[in-house]
Amino acid sequence: MNYLLTIGLLLFSNIFMTFAWYGHLKLAEYSWFSKLSLFGVILISWLIAFFEYCFQVPANRIGYEGNGGAFSLLQLKIIQEVITLVVFVVFSAIAFQTTIKLNHIIGFVFLILAVYFIFK
């Protein structure tokens, strides 16, 4: 069951990470936010990223096979990367109306293949 907890924590971590890294681009559309200095934007991003770490660190500690978890270090990393890209695609589609094109789909297929080979 640790594997589900690990994946869930990684999912929440990446939601916070995406908002910390890219949310300010969307928030810049609001006048109150666009008046903030770069330092102010960085502080807000750091506050959001704090919660990313609150999920990321436990996910890796719980999920790592060296601590009794289900995943090797390489497996944890590939899971992290796939979740990161999935969360980012959903975020960009919702917040920025980004269109997913054929080359993106082909790239995702290669990611699925990477997951397959990493876990073999």
C-alpha atoms as a PDB file:
ATOM      1  CA  MET A   1       0.000   0.000   0.000  1.00  0.00           C
ATOM      2  CA  ASN A   2       3.026   2.305   0.363  1.00  0.00           C
ATOM      3  CA  TYR A   3       3.172   2.592  -3.399  1.00  0.00           C
ATOM      4  CA  LEU A   4      -0.267   4.246  -3.558  1.00  0.00           C
ATOM      5  CA  LEU A   5       0.635   6.662  -0.771  1.00  0.00           C
ATOM      6  CA  THR A   6       3.891   7.484  -2.542  1.00  0.00           C
ATOM      7  CA  ILE A   7       2.143   8.185  -5.848  1.00  0.00           C
ATOM      8  CA  GLY A   8      -0.552  10.252  -4.135  1.00  0.00           C
ATOM      9  CA  LEU A   9       2.009  12.356  -2.289  1.00  0.00           C
ATOM     10  CA  LEU A  10       3.955  12.866  -5.513  1.00  0.00           C
ATOM     11  CA  LEU A  11       0.764  13.972  -7.246  1.00  0.00           C
ATOM     12  CA  PHE A  12       0.001  16.597  -4.594  1.00  0.00           C
ATOM     13  CA  SER A  13       3.636  17.685  -4.563  1.00  0.00           C
ATOM     14  CA  ASN A  14       3.551  18.283  -8.294  1.00  0.00           C
ATOM     15  CA  ILE A  15       0.325  20.246  -8.147  1.00  0.00           C
ATOM     16  CA  PHE A  16       1.972  22.656  -5.713  1.00  0.00           C
ATOM     17  CA  MET A  17       5.190  22.671  -7.748  1.00  0.00           C
ATOM     18  CA  THR A  18       3.352  23.563 -10.945  1.00  0.00           C
ATOM     19  CA  PHE A  19       1.524  26.425  -9.258  1.00  0.00           C
ATOM     20  CA  ALA A  20       4.761  27.659  -7.661  1.00  0.00           C
ATOM     21  CA  TRP A  21       6.662  27.559 -10.942  1.00  0.00           C
ATOM     22  CA  TYR A  22       4.002  28.616 -13.442  1.00  0.00           C
ATOM     23  CA  GLY A  23       1.008  29.953 -11.537  1.00  0.00           C
ATOM     24  CA  HIS A  24       2.503  33.444 -11.355  1.00  0.00           C
ATOM     25  CA  LEU A  25       2.307  33.629 -15.142  1.00  0.00           C
ATOM     26  CA  LYS A  26      -1.458  33.268 -14.954  1.00  0.00           C
ATOM     27  CA  LEU A  27      -1.831  35.436 -11.852  1.00  0.00           C
ATOM     28  CA  ALA A  28      -0.040  38.266 -13.692  1.00  0.00           C
ATOM     29  CA  GLU A  29      -3.354  38.848 -15.471  1.00  0.00           C
ATOM     30  CA  TYR A  30      -4.731  40.281 -12.212  1.00  0.00           C
ATOM     31  CA  SER A  31      -3.881  43.903 -11.459  1.00  0.00           C
ATOM     32  CA  TRP A  32      -3.104  43.334  -7.774  1.00  0.00           C
ATOM     33  CA  PHE A  33      -0.609  40.609  -8.662  1.00  0.00           C
ATOM     34  CA  SER A  34       0.970  42.355 -11.621  1.00  0.00           C
ATOM     35  CA  LYS A  35       1.909  45.264  -9.306  1.00  0.00           C
ATOM     36  CA  LEU A  36       4.122  42.976  -7.196  1.00  0.00           C
ATOM     37  CA  SER A  37       7.859  43.211  -7.602  1.00  0.00           C
ATOM     38  CA  LEU A  38       9.818  40.217  -8.827  1.00  0.00           C
ATOM     39  CA  PHE A  39      10.940  39.669  -5.233  1.00  0.00           C
ATOM     40  CA  GLY A  40       7.279  39.581  -4.117  1.00  0.00           C
ATOM     41  CA  VAL A  41       6.437  37.022  -6.797  1.00  0.00           C
ATOM     42  CA  ILE A  42       9.425  34.907  -5.736  1.00  0.00           C
ATOM     43  CA  LEU A  43       8.289  35.013  -2.099  1.00  0.00           C
ATOM     44  CA  ILE A  44       4.800  33.875  -3.030  1.00  0.00           C
ATOM     45  CA  SER A  45       6.262  31.082  -5.170  1.00  0.00           C
ATOM     46  CA  TRP A  46       8.503  29.995  -2.277  1.00  0.00           C
ATOM     47  CA  LEU A  47       5.519  29.872   0.044  1.00  0.00           C
ATOM     48  CA  ILE A  48       3.707  27.609  -2.408  1.00  0.00           C
ATOM     49  CA  ALA A  49       6.841  25.524  -2.965  1.00  0.00           C
ATOM     50  CA  PHE A  50       7.086  24.924   0.787  1.00  0.00           C
ATOM     51  CA  PHE A  51       3.982  22.749   0.495  1.00  0.00           C
ATOM     52  CA  GLU A  52       5.518  20.962  -2.470  1.00  0.00           C
ATOM     53  CA  TYR A  53       8.367  19.877  -0.224  1.00  0.00           C
ATOM     54  CA  CYS A  54       5.931  18.875   2.522  1.00  0.00           C
ATOM     55  CA  PHE A  55       4.606  16.235   0.118  1.00  0.00           C
ATOM     56  CA  GLN A  56       7.739  15.481  -1.928  1.00  0.00           C
ATOM     57  CA  VAL A  57      10.098  14.567   0.910  1.00  0.00           C
ATOM     58  CA  PRO A  58       7.701  12.128   2.610  1.00  0.00           C
ATOM     59  CA  ALA A  59       6.832  10.600  -0.772  1.00  0.00           C
ATOM     60  CA  ASN A  60      10.462   9.796  -1.453  1.00  0.00           C
ATOM     61  CA  ARG A  61      11.128   8.564   2.085  1.00  0.00           C
ATOM     62  CA  ILE A  62       8.054   6.331   2.115  1.00  0.00           C
ATOM     63  CA  GLY A  63       8.464   5.106  -1.459  1.00  0.00           C
ATOM     64  CA  TYR A  64      12.203   4.373  -1.480  1.00  0.00           C
ATOM     65  CA  GLU A  65      13.013   0.685  -1.218  1.00  0.00           C
ATOM     66  CA  GLY A  66      15.941   1.484   1.094  1.00  0.00           C
ATOM     67  CA  ASN A  67      13.343   2.651   3.630  1.00  0.00           C
ATOM     68  CA  GLY A  68      11.002  -0.293   3.071  1.00  0.00           C
ATOM     69  CA  GLY A  69       9.147   1.279   0.159  1.00  0.00           C
ATOM     70  CA  ALA A  70       8.194  -0.211  -3.165  1.00  0.00           C
ATOM     71  CA  PHE A  71      10.437   1.734  -5.548  1.00  0.00           C
ATOM     72  CA  SER A  72      14.092   2.019  -6.455  1.00  0.00           C
ATOM     73  CA  LEU A  73      15.595   5.473  -6.740  1.00  0.00           C
ATOM     74  CA  LEU A  74      15.356   5.354 -10.552  1.00  0.00           C
ATOM     75  CA  GLN A  75      11.737   4.229 -10.389  1.00  0.00           C
ATOM     76  CA  LEU A  76      10.870   7.072  -8.006  1.00  0.00           C
ATOM     77  CA  LYS A  77      12.437   9.567 -10.399  1.00  0.00           C
ATOM     78  CA  ILE A  78      10.635   8.309 -13.489  1.00  0.00           C
ATOM     79  CA  ILE A  79       7.314   8.279 -11.606  1.00  0.00           C
ATOM     80  CA  GLN A  80       8.036  11.851 -10.515  1.00  0.00           C
ATOM     81  CA  GLU A  81       8.775  12.987 -14.063  1.00  0.00           C
ATOM     82  CA  VAL A  82       5.676  11.387 -15.554  1.00  0.00           C
ATOM     83  CA  ILE A  83       3.453  12.875 -12.854  1.00  0.00           C
ATOM     84  CA  THR A  84       5.126  16.259 -13.361  1.00  0.00           C
ATOM     85  CA  LEU A  85       4.369  16.242 -17.081  1.00  0.00           C
ATOM     86  CA  VAL A  86       0.795  15.023 -16.649  1.00  0.00           C
ATOM     87  CA  VAL A  87       0.058  17.698 -14.033  1.00  0.00           C
ATOM     88  CA  PHE A  88       1.712  20.355 -16.196  1.00  0.00           C
ATOM     89  CA  VAL A  89      -0.281  19.390 -19.289  1.00  0.00           C
ATOM     90  CA  VAL A  90      -3.556  19.511 -17.351  1.00  0.00           C
ATOM     91  CA  PHE A  91      -2.576  22.844 -15.763  1.00  0.00           C
ATOM     92  CA  SER A  92      -1.535  24.408 -19.067  1.00  0.00           C
ATOM     93  CA  ALA A  93      -4.673  23.160 -20.799  1.00  0.00           C
ATOM     94  CA  ILE A  94      -6.929  24.597 -18.097  1.00  0.00           C
ATOM     95  CA  ALA A  95      -5.090  27.802 -17.208  1.00  0.00           C
ATOM     96  CA  PHE A  96      -3.640  28.735 -20.599  1.00  0.00           C
ATOM     97  CA  GLN A  97      -5.865  26.807 -23.041  1.00  0.00           C
ATOM     98  CA  THR A  98      -2.792  25.070 -24.442  1.00  0.00           C
ATOM     99  CA  THR A  99      -3.573  22.718 -27.308  1.00  0.00           C
ATOM    100  CA  ILE A 100      -2.132  19.203 -27.223  1.00  0.00           C
ATOM    101  CA  LYS A 101      -0.702  18.317 -30.621  1.00  0.00           C
ATOM    102  CA  LEU A 102       0.355  15.065 -32.249  1.00  0.00           C
ATOM    103  CA  ASN A 103       4.020  15.544 -31.345  1.00  0.00           C
ATOM    104  CA  HIS A 104       3.001  15.899 -27.672  1.00  0.00           C
ATOM    105  CA  ILE A 105       1.045  12.651 -27.829  1.00  0.00           C
ATOM    106  CA  ILE A 106       4.013  10.883 -29.446  1.00  0.00           C
ATOM    107  CA  GLY A 107       6.247  12.228 -26.670  1.00  0.00           C
ATOM    108  CA  PHE A 108       3.854  10.868 -24.043  1.00  0.00           C
ATOM    109  CA  VAL A 109       3.931   7.469 -25.706  1.00  0.00           C
ATOM    110  CA  PHE A 110       7.714   7.507 -25.381  1.00  0.00           C
ATOM    111  CA  LEU A 111       7.347   8.438 -21.717  1.00  0.00           C
ATOM    112  CA  ILE A 112       5.070   5.453 -21.180  1.00  0.00           C
ATOM    113  CA  LEU A 113       7.691   3.292 -22.873  1.00  0.00           C
ATOM    114  CA  ALA A 114      10.344   4.795 -20.585  1.00  0.00           C
ATOM    115  CA  VAL A 115       8.250   3.848 -17.557  1.00  0.00           C
ATOM    116  CA  TYR A 116       7.870   0.330 -18.926  1.00  0.00           C
ATOM    117  CA  PHE A 117      11.600  -0.121 -19.460  1.00  0.00           C
ATOM    118  CA  ILE A 118      12.599   1.453 -16.132  1.00  0.00           C
ATOM    119  CA  PHE A 119      10.292  -0.951 -14.286  1.00  0.00           C
ATOM    120  CA  LYS A 120      11.563  -4.050 -16.182  1.00  0.00           C
END
